[in-house]
Amino acid sequence: METILNRVCKGRPREFCVDEALAAALRVFWKRGYESASMAELTEAMGITKPSLYAAFGNKEALFRKALDLYEREKLGFMQTALAAPTAREVAERVLRGALEMQTNSGNPKGCLGVISSLACGPEAESIRSEVIARRASSERLIVERFERAQQGGELPDTIDPKGLTRFLIAILQGLVVQAGGGASSEELRKLVDTSLELWPTRAK
């Protein structure tokens, strides 16, 4: 049976496929968080030795950052798509339904890599926590700016604070993640999304 060690990655022969190894590392970090993921778990899942890991990815911190890049690119791609929606409500709907799909996909671990890693990080992993928080803040700023434009365009009531509305949306997302990790069914999570969208503010006509 062919193993990861015998494969060719992107046409270049090497002892393992970097893309597949990184995807395997992502799953470990996603399940365990940054601090709880041991080097033994990572190398076993990736099918490589520690020297190979260091040679290809650097240290554990550098590997996590590359895994986080992959997570944002492949698992959170719906966030960028959502920002292009024509209305603020559709932005929220695409974000929530994208998160719902990710959490109910049987091929994905439950929870959010960023939330798990930022909450679990102790003082020795403060740089990782800071990295996760900075990336999240950058994404939130884009949503705030989108809601500000929606308000300026007359879509949202003047009484609504775009920053507060963004925090509301993020809180729903985090609640969705927590409930998914706690065993909530797909139907229960769908109802959470539907109810949240029913509460979305709109300017009176």
N, C-alpha and C. Protein backbone atom coordinates (compact mmCIF):
# COMPACT_ATOMS: atom_id res chain seq x y z
N MET A 1 0.84 -1.20 0.00
CA MET A 1 0.00 0.00 0.00
C MET A 1 0.87 1.25 0.00
N GLU A 2 0.54 2.18 -0.89
CA GLU A 2 1.36 3.37 -1.00
C GLU A 2 1.20 4.24 0.23
N THR A 3 2.26 4.75 0.73
CA THR A 3 2.21 5.63 1.89
C THR A 3 2.59 7.03 1.49
N ILE A 4 2.37 7.97 2.41
CA ILE A 4 2.69 9.37 2.14
C ILE A 4 4.17 9.58 1.86
N LEU A 5 4.99 8.67 2.40
CA LEU A 5 6.43 8.80 2.22
C LEU A 5 6.88 8.50 0.79
N ASN A 6 6.02 7.81 0.04
CA ASN A 6 6.42 7.38 -1.30
C ASN A 6 5.81 8.23 -2.41
N ARG A 7 5.05 9.24 -2.02
CA ARG A 7 4.35 10.01 -3.03
C ARG A 7 5.19 11.14 -3.56
N VAL A 8 4.75 11.67 -4.69
CA VAL A 8 5.41 12.81 -5.31
C VAL A 8 4.50 14.01 -5.16
N CYS A 9 5.03 15.10 -4.68
CA CYS A 9 4.26 16.31 -4.44
C CYS A 9 4.58 17.37 -5.48
N LYS A 10 3.55 17.80 -6.21
CA LYS A 10 3.69 18.86 -7.20
C LYS A 10 4.82 18.56 -8.19
N GLY A 11 4.94 17.30 -8.56
CA GLY A 11 5.89 16.93 -9.59
C GLY A 11 7.32 16.80 -9.12
N ARG A 12 7.58 17.08 -7.85
CA ARG A 12 8.94 17.00 -7.35
C ARG A 12 9.09 15.81 -6.43
N PRO A 13 10.01 14.91 -6.70
CA PRO A 13 10.19 13.78 -5.78
C PRO A 13 10.77 14.24 -4.46
N ARG A 14 10.16 13.83 -3.38
CA ARG A 14 10.69 14.08 -2.05
C ARG A 14 10.15 13.00 -1.14
N GLU A 15 10.60 12.95 0.07
CA GLU A 15 10.23 11.83 0.93
C GLU A 15 8.79 11.89 1.40
N PHE A 16 8.12 13.04 1.28
CA PHE A 16 6.71 13.12 1.62
C PHE A 16 6.08 14.29 0.88
N CYS A 17 4.76 14.30 0.83
CA CYS A 17 4.03 15.37 0.16
C CYS A 17 3.75 16.48 1.17
N VAL A 18 4.30 17.63 0.93
CA VAL A 18 4.15 18.76 1.85
C VAL A 18 2.68 19.13 2.04
N ASP A 19 1.92 19.17 0.96
CA ASP A 19 0.52 19.57 1.05
C ASP A 19 -0.28 18.60 1.92
N GLU A 20 -0.05 17.31 1.72
CA GLU A 20 -0.79 16.31 2.49
C GLU A 20 -0.34 16.32 3.95
N ALA A 21 0.93 16.50 4.16
CA ALA A 21 1.44 16.55 5.53
C ALA A 21 0.87 17.76 6.27
N LEU A 22 0.79 18.89 5.58
CA LEU A 22 0.24 20.09 6.21
C LEU A 22 -1.24 19.92 6.52
N ALA A 23 -1.98 19.29 5.61
CA ALA A 23 -3.40 19.03 5.86
C ALA A 23 -3.58 18.13 7.08
N ALA A 24 -2.69 17.16 7.23
CA ALA A 24 -2.76 16.27 8.38
C ALA A 24 -2.45 17.03 9.67
N ALA A 25 -1.48 17.92 9.62
CA ALA A 25 -1.14 18.74 10.78
C ALA A 25 -2.30 19.65 11.16
N LEU A 26 -2.96 20.20 10.17
CA LEU A 26 -4.12 21.06 10.42
C LEU A 26 -5.18 20.31 11.22
N ARG A 27 -5.45 19.07 10.86
CA ARG A 27 -6.48 18.30 11.56
C ARG A 27 -6.07 18.08 13.02
N VAL A 28 -4.80 17.85 13.27
CA VAL A 28 -4.35 17.66 14.65
C VAL A 28 -4.53 18.95 15.44
N PHE A 29 -4.08 20.06 14.89
CA PHE A 29 -4.22 21.35 15.57
C PHE A 29 -5.70 21.69 15.78
N TRP A 30 -6.52 21.38 14.80
CA TRP A 30 -7.95 21.68 14.85
C TRP A 30 -8.61 20.89 15.99
N LYS A 31 -8.22 19.66 16.13
CA LYS A 31 -8.80 18.82 17.18
C LYS A 31 -8.25 19.16 18.56
N ARG A 32 -6.96 19.44 18.63
CA ARG A 32 -6.29 19.52 19.91
C ARG A 32 -5.96 20.94 20.37
N GLY A 33 -5.92 21.90 19.43
CA GLY A 33 -5.43 23.22 19.78
C GLY A 33 -3.92 23.25 19.67
N TYR A 34 -3.33 24.43 19.72
CA TYR A 34 -1.90 24.55 19.51
C TYR A 34 -1.09 23.88 20.61
N GLU A 35 -1.35 24.22 21.85
CA GLU A 35 -0.53 23.71 22.94
C GLU A 35 -0.71 22.22 23.17
N SER A 36 -1.94 21.73 23.03
CA SER A 36 -2.21 20.32 23.33
C SER A 36 -1.71 19.38 22.24
N ALA A 37 -1.45 19.90 21.06
CA ALA A 37 -0.94 19.06 19.96
C ALA A 37 0.55 18.81 20.19
N SER A 38 0.91 17.57 20.47
CA SER A 38 2.31 17.24 20.72
C SER A 38 3.04 16.98 19.41
N MET A 39 4.36 17.09 19.45
CA MET A 39 5.16 16.79 18.27
C MET A 39 5.00 15.34 17.86
N ALA A 40 4.83 14.46 18.83
CA ALA A 40 4.64 13.04 18.51
C ALA A 40 3.34 12.84 17.74
N GLU A 41 2.27 13.52 18.17
CA GLU A 41 0.99 13.41 17.46
C GLU A 41 1.11 13.99 16.05
N LEU A 42 1.79 15.10 15.94
CA LEU A 42 1.91 15.75 14.65
C LEU A 42 2.71 14.91 13.66
N THR A 43 3.86 14.42 14.10
CA THR A 43 4.69 13.64 13.17
C THR A 43 4.01 12.33 12.79
N GLU A 44 3.28 11.73 13.74
CA GLU A 44 2.57 10.48 13.42
C GLU A 44 1.48 10.73 12.39
N ALA A 45 0.69 11.78 12.59
CA ALA A 45 -0.38 12.09 11.66
C ALA A 45 0.16 12.48 10.29
N MET A 46 1.28 13.19 10.27
CA MET A 46 1.87 13.65 9.02
C MET A 46 2.67 12.57 8.31
N GLY A 47 3.00 11.49 9.03
CA GLY A 47 3.76 10.41 8.44
C GLY A 47 5.20 10.76 8.17
N ILE A 48 5.77 11.60 9.03
CA ILE A 48 7.15 12.04 8.83
C ILE A 48 7.90 12.02 10.16
N THR A 49 9.19 12.20 10.08
CA THR A 49 10.03 12.27 11.27
C THR A 49 10.17 13.72 11.72
N LYS A 50 10.64 13.92 12.94
CA LYS A 50 10.86 15.28 13.42
C LYS A 50 11.85 16.05 12.55
N PRO A 51 12.99 15.44 12.16
CA PRO A 51 13.92 16.18 11.29
C PRO A 51 13.28 16.63 9.98
N SER A 52 12.41 15.77 9.43
CA SER A 52 11.73 16.13 8.18
C SER A 52 10.76 17.28 8.41
N LEU A 53 10.08 17.25 9.54
CA LEU A 53 9.15 18.33 9.87
C LEU A 53 9.90 19.65 9.99
N TYR A 54 11.01 19.64 10.73
CA TYR A 54 11.78 20.86 10.92
C TYR A 54 12.33 21.37 9.58
N ALA A 55 12.78 20.44 8.74
CA ALA A 55 13.37 20.84 7.46
C ALA A 55 12.33 21.47 6.54
N ALA A 56 11.10 20.94 6.56
CA ALA A 56 10.08 21.42 5.63
C ALA A 56 9.28 22.60 6.16
N PHE A 57 9.04 22.63 7.47
CA PHE A 57 8.13 23.63 8.02
C PHE A 57 8.76 24.55 9.07
N GLY A 58 9.95 24.23 9.55
CA GLY A 58 10.50 24.99 10.66
C GLY A 58 10.06 24.35 11.97
N ASN A 59 9.83 25.15 13.00
CA ASN A 59 9.42 24.59 14.28
C ASN A 59 7.91 24.44 14.37
N LYS A 60 7.43 24.05 15.54
CA LYS A 60 5.99 23.83 15.73
C LYS A 60 5.20 25.11 15.50
N GLU A 61 5.73 26.22 15.96
CA GLU A 61 5.03 27.50 15.79
C GLU A 61 4.88 27.85 14.31
N ALA A 62 5.94 27.65 13.54
CA ALA A 62 5.88 27.94 12.11
C ALA A 62 4.92 26.99 11.40
N LEU A 63 4.91 25.74 11.84
CA LEU A 63 3.97 24.76 11.26
C LEU A 63 2.54 25.19 11.54
N PHE A 64 2.27 25.65 12.76
CA PHE A 64 0.91 26.08 13.09
C PHE A 64 0.48 27.25 12.21
N ARG A 65 1.38 28.19 12.00
CA ARG A 65 1.02 29.35 11.18
C ARG A 65 0.70 28.92 9.74
N LYS A 66 1.45 27.97 9.23
CA LYS A 66 1.15 27.47 7.88
C LYS A 66 -0.19 26.72 7.87
N ALA A 67 -0.46 25.98 8.94
CA ALA A 67 -1.74 25.28 9.05
C ALA A 67 -2.89 26.29 9.16
N LEU A 68 -2.66 27.38 9.87
CA LEU A 68 -3.67 28.41 10.01
C LEU A 68 -3.94 29.09 8.66
N ASP A 69 -2.89 29.29 7.87
CA ASP A 69 -3.07 29.83 6.51
C ASP A 69 -3.97 28.90 5.69
N LEU A 70 -3.68 27.61 5.78
CA LEU A 70 -4.47 26.62 5.04
C LEU A 70 -5.91 26.62 5.52
N TYR A 71 -6.11 26.69 6.82
CA TYR A 71 -7.45 26.72 7.41
C TYR A 71 -8.25 27.92 6.89
N GLU A 72 -7.63 29.08 6.89
CA GLU A 72 -8.32 30.28 6.43
C GLU A 72 -8.62 30.21 4.94
N ARG A 73 -7.69 29.64 4.19
CA ARG A 73 -7.85 29.57 2.74
C ARG A 73 -8.90 28.55 2.32
N GLU A 74 -8.89 27.39 2.93
CA GLU A 74 -9.76 26.30 2.49
C GLU A 74 -11.05 26.18 3.30
N LYS A 75 -10.99 26.46 4.60
CA LYS A 75 -12.15 26.26 5.45
C LYS A 75 -12.95 27.54 5.69
N LEU A 76 -12.28 28.67 5.62
CA LEU A 76 -12.97 29.94 5.87
C LEU A 76 -13.10 30.78 4.61
N GLY A 77 -12.99 30.15 3.46
CA GLY A 77 -13.12 30.87 2.21
C GLY A 77 -14.47 31.54 2.05
N PHE A 78 -15.49 31.01 2.71
CA PHE A 78 -16.83 31.58 2.61
C PHE A 78 -16.89 32.99 3.20
N MET A 79 -15.95 33.34 4.07
CA MET A 79 -15.95 34.68 4.67
C MET A 79 -15.70 35.74 3.61
N GLN A 80 -14.72 35.52 2.75
CA GLN A 80 -14.43 36.49 1.69
C GLN A 80 -15.58 36.57 0.69
N THR A 81 -16.16 35.43 0.36
CA THR A 81 -17.30 35.41 -0.56
C THR A 81 -18.48 36.17 0.03
N ALA A 82 -18.67 36.02 1.34
CA ALA A 82 -19.79 36.68 2.00
C ALA A 82 -19.71 38.19 1.89
N LEU A 83 -18.52 38.74 1.98
CA LEU A 83 -18.36 40.20 1.95
C LEU A 83 -18.79 40.81 0.62
N ALA A 84 -18.85 39.98 -0.42
CA ALA A 84 -19.26 40.47 -1.74
C ALA A 84 -20.77 40.44 -1.92
N ALA A 85 -21.52 39.97 -0.93
CA ALA A 85 -22.98 39.90 -1.04
C ALA A 85 -23.56 41.31 -1.17
N PRO A 86 -24.68 41.45 -1.87
CA PRO A 86 -25.23 42.79 -2.15
C PRO A 86 -25.82 43.52 -0.95
N THR A 87 -26.24 42.80 0.09
CA THR A 87 -26.81 43.45 1.27
C THR A 87 -26.12 42.95 2.54
N ALA A 88 -26.25 43.74 3.62
CA ALA A 88 -25.65 43.36 4.90
C ALA A 88 -26.27 42.06 5.42
N ARG A 89 -27.57 41.91 5.25
CA ARG A 89 -28.22 40.69 5.72
C ARG A 89 -27.70 39.47 4.97
N GLU A 90 -27.48 39.63 3.68
CA GLU A 90 -26.94 38.52 2.89
C GLU A 90 -25.50 38.22 3.28
N VAL A 91 -24.76 39.25 3.67
CA VAL A 91 -23.42 39.01 4.20
C VAL A 91 -23.52 38.10 5.41
N ALA A 92 -24.40 38.49 6.35
CA ALA A 92 -24.58 37.70 7.57
C ALA A 92 -25.05 36.28 7.25
N GLU A 93 -25.97 36.16 6.32
CA GLU A 93 -26.50 34.85 5.99
C GLU A 93 -25.41 33.95 5.39
N ARG A 94 -24.61 34.49 4.50
CA ARG A 94 -23.53 33.69 3.89
C ARG A 94 -22.49 33.28 4.93
N VAL A 95 -22.20 34.19 5.86
CA VAL A 95 -21.25 33.86 6.92
C VAL A 95 -21.80 32.74 7.80
N LEU A 96 -23.04 32.89 8.24
CA LEU A 96 -23.62 31.91 9.16
C LEU A 96 -23.85 30.56 8.48
N ARG A 97 -24.32 30.58 7.26
CA ARG A 97 -24.56 29.30 6.58
C ARG A 97 -23.24 28.64 6.17
N GLY A 98 -22.23 29.45 5.88
CA GLY A 98 -20.92 28.88 5.61
C GLY A 98 -20.35 28.20 6.83
N ALA A 99 -20.51 28.85 7.99
CA ALA A 99 -20.04 28.26 9.24
C ALA A 99 -20.85 27.02 9.58
N LEU A 100 -22.15 27.07 9.32
CA LEU A 100 -23.01 25.91 9.57
C LEU A 100 -22.56 24.71 8.73
N GLU A 101 -22.28 24.96 7.46
CA GLU A 101 -21.83 23.88 6.58
C GLU A 101 -20.51 23.29 7.06
N MET A 102 -19.60 24.16 7.52
CA MET A 102 -18.31 23.69 7.98
C MET A 102 -18.46 22.82 9.24
N GLN A 103 -19.34 23.25 10.14
CA GLN A 103 -19.51 22.52 11.40
C GLN A 103 -20.27 21.22 11.23
N THR A 104 -21.11 21.13 10.21
CA THR A 104 -21.90 19.92 10.00
C THR A 104 -21.28 18.97 8.97
N ASN A 105 -20.14 19.36 8.41
CA ASN A 105 -19.43 18.49 7.48
C ASN A 105 -18.73 17.40 8.28
N SER A 106 -19.11 16.16 8.03
CA SER A 106 -18.58 15.05 8.81
C SER A 106 -17.08 14.88 8.63
N GLY A 107 -16.52 15.47 7.58
CA GLY A 107 -15.09 15.34 7.35
C GLY A 107 -14.24 16.32 8.14
N ASN A 108 -14.91 17.26 8.82
CA ASN A 108 -14.18 18.28 9.58
C ASN A 108 -14.27 18.01 11.08
N PRO A 109 -13.22 18.31 11.82
CA PRO A 109 -13.32 18.30 13.28
C PRO A 109 -14.31 19.38 13.72
N LYS A 110 -14.89 19.22 14.90
CA LYS A 110 -15.81 20.23 15.42
C LYS A 110 -15.02 21.38 16.03
N GLY A 111 -15.67 22.53 16.10
CA GLY A 111 -15.04 23.68 16.72
C GLY A 111 -14.31 24.54 15.70
N CYS A 112 -13.68 25.59 16.21
CA CYS A 112 -12.96 26.55 15.38
C CYS A 112 -11.49 26.55 15.78
N LEU A 113 -10.62 26.38 14.82
CA LEU A 113 -9.19 26.33 15.11
C LEU A 113 -8.72 27.59 15.83
N GLY A 114 -9.18 28.74 15.38
CA GLY A 114 -8.75 29.98 16.00
C GLY A 114 -9.23 30.12 17.44
N VAL A 115 -10.50 29.79 17.68
CA VAL A 115 -11.05 29.89 19.03
C VAL A 115 -10.36 28.92 19.96
N ILE A 116 -10.21 27.66 19.52
CA ILE A 116 -9.58 26.63 20.35
C ILE A 116 -8.17 27.04 20.73
N SER A 117 -7.42 27.52 19.77
CA SER A 117 -6.01 27.84 20.01
C SER A 117 -5.82 29.11 20.82
N SER A 118 -6.66 30.12 20.60
CA SER A 118 -6.49 31.37 21.34
C SER A 118 -6.89 31.23 22.80
N LEU A 119 -7.91 30.42 23.07
CA LEU A 119 -8.37 30.26 24.44
C LEU A 119 -7.45 29.35 25.24
N ALA A 120 -6.83 28.39 24.57
CA ALA A 120 -6.04 27.39 25.28
C ALA A 120 -4.59 27.81 25.49
N CYS A 121 -4.16 28.87 24.85
CA CYS A 121 -2.75 29.24 24.90
C CYS A 121 -2.36 29.85 26.24
N GLY A 122 -1.29 29.32 26.81
CA GLY A 122 -0.74 29.86 28.03
C GLY A 122 0.34 30.88 27.72
N PRO A 123 1.03 31.40 28.75
CA PRO A 123 2.05 32.44 28.55
C PRO A 123 3.14 32.04 27.58
N GLU A 124 3.53 30.75 27.56
CA GLU A 124 4.61 30.32 26.70
C GLU A 124 4.21 30.31 25.22
N ALA A 125 2.91 30.38 24.96
CA ALA A 125 2.44 30.40 23.57
C ALA A 125 1.71 31.71 23.26
N GLU A 126 2.11 32.77 23.92
CA GLU A 126 1.44 34.06 23.76
C GLU A 126 1.53 34.57 22.32
N SER A 127 2.65 34.27 21.64
CA SER A 127 2.79 34.75 20.26
C SER A 127 1.73 34.12 19.34
N ILE A 128 1.39 32.85 19.61
CA ILE A 128 0.35 32.19 18.82
C ILE A 128 -1.00 32.80 19.11
N ARG A 129 -1.28 33.02 20.37
CA ARG A 129 -2.56 33.65 20.76
C ARG A 129 -2.68 35.02 20.11
N SER A 130 -1.60 35.79 20.15
CA SER A 130 -1.61 37.13 19.55
C SER A 130 -1.83 37.06 18.05
N GLU A 131 -1.22 36.07 17.42
CA GLU A 131 -1.38 35.89 15.96
C GLU A 131 -2.84 35.60 15.61
N VAL A 132 -3.45 34.68 16.36
CA VAL A 132 -4.85 34.31 16.10
C VAL A 132 -5.76 35.51 16.32
N ILE A 133 -5.54 36.24 17.39
CA ILE A 133 -6.37 37.40 17.70
C ILE A 133 -6.21 38.48 16.64
N ALA A 134 -4.99 38.69 16.18
CA ALA A 134 -4.74 39.71 15.15
C ALA A 134 -5.44 39.35 13.84
N ARG A 135 -5.40 38.08 13.47
CA ARG A 135 -6.06 37.66 12.23
C ARG A 135 -7.58 37.82 12.36
N ARG A 136 -8.10 37.47 13.51
CA ARG A 136 -9.54 37.60 13.72
C ARG A 136 -9.95 39.07 13.68
N ALA A 137 -9.14 39.93 14.29
CA ALA A 137 -9.45 41.36 14.29
C ALA A 137 -9.44 41.93 12.88
N SER A 138 -8.53 41.44 12.04
CA SER A 138 -8.47 41.89 10.65
C SER A 138 -9.74 41.51 9.90
N SER A 139 -10.22 40.30 10.11
CA SER A 139 -11.46 39.85 9.46
C SER A 139 -12.66 40.65 9.96
N GLU A 140 -12.68 40.94 11.25
CA GLU A 140 -13.79 41.69 11.82
C GLU A 140 -13.82 43.12 11.27
N ARG A 141 -12.65 43.71 11.06
CA ARG A 141 -12.62 45.07 10.51
C ARG A 141 -13.26 45.12 9.13
N LEU A 142 -13.02 44.09 8.33
CA LEU A 142 -13.62 44.05 7.00
C LEU A 142 -15.14 43.98 7.08
N ILE A 143 -15.66 43.23 8.05
CA ILE A 143 -17.11 43.14 8.22
C ILE A 143 -17.67 44.48 8.70
N VAL A 144 -16.98 45.11 9.67
CA VAL A 144 -17.43 46.42 10.16
C VAL A 144 -17.51 47.41 9.01
N GLU A 145 -16.49 47.44 8.18
CA GLU A 145 -16.47 48.37 7.05
C GLU A 145 -17.62 48.09 6.09
N ARG A 146 -17.91 46.79 5.90
CA ARG A 146 -19.02 46.43 5.00
C ARG A 146 -20.35 46.89 5.58
N PHE A 147 -20.53 46.75 6.88
CA PHE A 147 -21.78 47.18 7.52
C PHE A 147 -21.87 48.70 7.57
N GLU A 148 -20.75 49.36 7.69
CA GLU A 148 -20.76 50.83 7.66
C GLU A 148 -21.25 51.31 6.29
N ARG A 149 -20.78 50.66 5.23
CA ARG A 149 -21.24 51.04 3.88
C ARG A 149 -22.73 50.77 3.73
N ALA A 150 -23.19 49.67 4.31
CA ALA A 150 -24.61 49.33 4.23
C ALA A 150 -25.45 50.39 4.95
N GLN A 151 -24.96 50.86 6.08
CA GLN A 151 -25.68 51.89 6.83
C GLN A 151 -25.68 53.21 6.06
N GLN A 152 -24.56 53.56 5.48
CA GLN A 152 -24.47 54.80 4.69
C GLN A 152 -25.40 54.73 3.49
N GLY A 153 -25.62 53.52 2.97
CA GLY A 153 -26.51 53.34 1.84
C GLY A 153 -27.96 53.27 2.21
N GLY A 154 -28.27 53.44 3.49
CA GLY A 154 -29.66 53.45 3.93
C GLY A 154 -30.25 52.09 4.22
N GLU A 155 -29.42 51.06 4.23
CA GLU A 155 -29.95 49.70 4.45
C GLU A 155 -30.18 49.39 5.92
N LEU A 156 -29.29 49.88 6.79
CA LEU A 156 -29.39 49.62 8.22
C LEU A 156 -29.90 50.85 8.95
N PRO A 157 -30.64 50.65 10.04
CA PRO A 157 -31.13 51.80 10.83
C PRO A 157 -29.97 52.64 11.37
N ASP A 158 -30.21 53.93 11.54
CA ASP A 158 -29.18 54.82 12.06
C ASP A 158 -28.82 54.47 13.50
N THR A 159 -29.73 53.83 14.21
CA THR A 159 -29.49 53.48 15.61
C THR A 159 -28.57 52.28 15.78
N ILE A 160 -28.28 51.58 14.70
CA ILE A 160 -27.43 50.40 14.76
C ILE A 160 -25.96 50.79 14.67
N ASP A 161 -25.16 50.27 15.58
CA ASP A 161 -23.72 50.48 15.56
C ASP A 161 -23.09 49.36 14.74
N PRO A 162 -22.45 49.67 13.61
CA PRO A 162 -21.85 48.61 12.78
C PRO A 162 -20.87 47.73 13.54
N LYS A 163 -20.11 48.32 14.47
CA LYS A 163 -19.19 47.51 15.27
C LYS A 163 -19.95 46.57 16.19
N GLY A 164 -21.00 47.08 16.80
CA GLY A 164 -21.82 46.24 17.67
C GLY A 164 -22.51 45.13 16.89
N LEU A 165 -22.96 45.45 15.67
CA LEU A 165 -23.61 44.46 14.83
C LEU A 165 -22.62 43.37 14.43
N THR A 166 -21.39 43.77 14.17
CA THR A 166 -20.34 42.80 13.85
C THR A 166 -20.07 41.89 15.04
N ARG A 167 -20.01 42.47 16.24
CA ARG A 167 -19.79 41.66 17.43
C ARG A 167 -20.94 40.69 17.65
N PHE A 168 -22.15 41.13 17.34
CA PHE A 168 -23.32 40.26 17.43
C PHE A 168 -23.16 39.06 16.50
N LEU A 169 -22.76 39.33 15.26
CA LEU A 169 -22.57 38.26 14.29
C LEU A 169 -21.48 37.31 14.73
N ILE A 170 -20.37 37.84 15.24
CA ILE A 170 -19.27 37.00 15.72
C ILE A 170 -19.71 36.17 16.91
N ALA A 171 -20.53 36.76 17.79
CA ALA A 171 -21.03 36.02 18.95
C ALA A 171 -21.89 34.84 18.52
N ILE A 172 -22.70 35.05 17.50
CA ILE A 172 -23.52 33.95 16.98
C ILE A 172 -22.62 32.86 16.40
N LEU A 173 -21.59 33.27 15.67
CA LEU A 173 -20.65 32.30 15.10
C LEU A 173 -19.98 31.48 16.19
N GLN A 174 -19.52 32.16 17.24
CA GLN A 174 -18.84 31.46 18.33
C GLN A 174 -19.80 30.53 19.05
N GLY A 175 -21.05 30.98 19.22
CA GLY A 175 -22.05 30.12 19.85
C GLY A 175 -22.33 28.89 19.01
N LEU A 176 -22.36 29.08 17.70
CA LEU A 176 -22.57 27.96 16.78
C LEU A 176 -21.45 26.93 16.93
N VAL A 177 -20.22 27.42 17.02
CA VAL A 177 -19.06 26.55 17.16
C VAL A 177 -19.11 25.78 18.48
N VAL A 178 -19.42 26.50 19.56
CA VAL A 178 -19.48 25.87 20.88
C VAL A 178 -20.57 24.80 20.93
N GLN A 179 -21.73 25.12 20.37
CA GLN A 179 -22.83 24.16 20.40
C GLN A 179 -22.53 22.95 19.51
N ALA A 180 -21.88 23.19 18.38
CA ALA A 180 -21.50 22.07 17.51
C ALA A 180 -20.53 21.15 18.24
N GLY A 181 -19.56 21.73 18.95
CA GLY A 181 -18.60 20.94 19.71
C GLY A 181 -19.25 20.22 20.87
N GLY A 182 -20.38 20.76 21.36
CA GLY A 182 -21.09 20.15 22.47
C GLY A 182 -22.09 19.09 22.06
N GLY A 183 -22.17 18.82 20.74
CA GLY A 183 -23.03 17.74 20.28
C GLY A 183 -24.37 18.15 19.73
N ALA A 184 -24.60 19.44 19.50
CA ALA A 184 -25.87 19.89 18.93
C ALA A 184 -26.05 19.27 17.54
N SER A 185 -27.27 18.93 17.21
CA SER A 185 -27.56 18.31 15.92
C SER A 185 -27.53 19.34 14.81
N SER A 186 -27.45 18.86 13.58
CA SER A 186 -27.46 19.76 12.42
C SER A 186 -28.74 20.58 12.38
N GLU A 187 -29.86 19.96 12.74
CA GLU A 187 -31.14 20.66 12.74
C GLU A 187 -31.17 21.76 13.80
N GLU A 188 -30.62 21.48 14.96
CA GLU A 188 -30.57 22.49 16.02
C GLU A 188 -29.70 23.67 15.61
N LEU A 189 -28.57 23.39 14.96
CA LEU A 189 -27.69 24.46 14.50
C LEU A 189 -28.34 25.27 13.39
N ARG A 190 -29.07 24.58 12.52
CA ARG A 190 -29.76 25.29 11.44
C ARG A 190 -30.82 26.24 12.00
N LYS A 191 -31.53 25.79 13.02
CA LYS A 191 -32.55 26.65 13.65
C LYS A 191 -31.91 27.87 14.31
N LEU A 192 -30.72 27.68 14.87
CA LEU A 192 -30.00 28.80 15.46
C LEU A 192 -29.68 29.84 14.40
N VAL A 193 -29.22 29.40 13.26
CA VAL A 193 -28.91 30.31 12.16
C VAL A 193 -30.18 31.00 11.66
N ASP A 194 -31.25 30.24 11.46
CA ASP A 194 -32.50 30.81 10.96
C ASP A 194 -33.06 31.86 11.92
N THR A 195 -33.03 31.56 13.21
CA THR A 195 -33.55 32.49 14.21
C THR A 195 -32.72 33.77 14.26
N SER A 196 -31.40 33.62 14.17
CA SER A 196 -30.52 34.78 14.18
C SER A 196 -30.81 35.70 13.01
N LEU A 197 -31.07 35.12 11.85
CA LEU A 197 -31.35 35.92 10.66
C LEU A 197 -32.71 36.60 10.76
N GLU A 198 -33.65 35.97 11.47
CA GLU A 198 -34.96 36.59 11.67
C GLU A 198 -34.84 37.86 12.52
N LEU A 199 -33.82 37.91 13.37
CA LEU A 199 -33.60 39.04 14.25
C LEU A 199 -32.76 40.15 13.61
N TRP A 200 -32.35 39.95 12.38
CA TRP A 200 -31.44 40.90 11.73
C TRP A 200 -32.14 42.25 11.55
N PRO A 201 -31.48 43.35 11.91
CA PRO A 201 -32.13 44.67 11.83
C PRO A 201 -32.25 45.17 10.40
N THR A 202 -33.36 45.78 10.11
CA THR A 202 -33.58 46.40 8.80
C THR A 202 -34.22 47.77 9.00
N ARG A 203 -33.96 48.66 8.07
CA ARG A 203 -34.55 50.01 8.16
C ARG A 203 -36.03 49.92 7.81
N ALA A 204 -36.86 50.58 8.62
CA ALA A 204 -38.30 50.57 8.35
C ALA A 204 -38.59 51.30 7.04
N LYS A 205 -39.49 50.74 6.26
CA LYS A 205 -39.84 51.33 4.97
C LYS A 205 -40.98 52.34 5.14
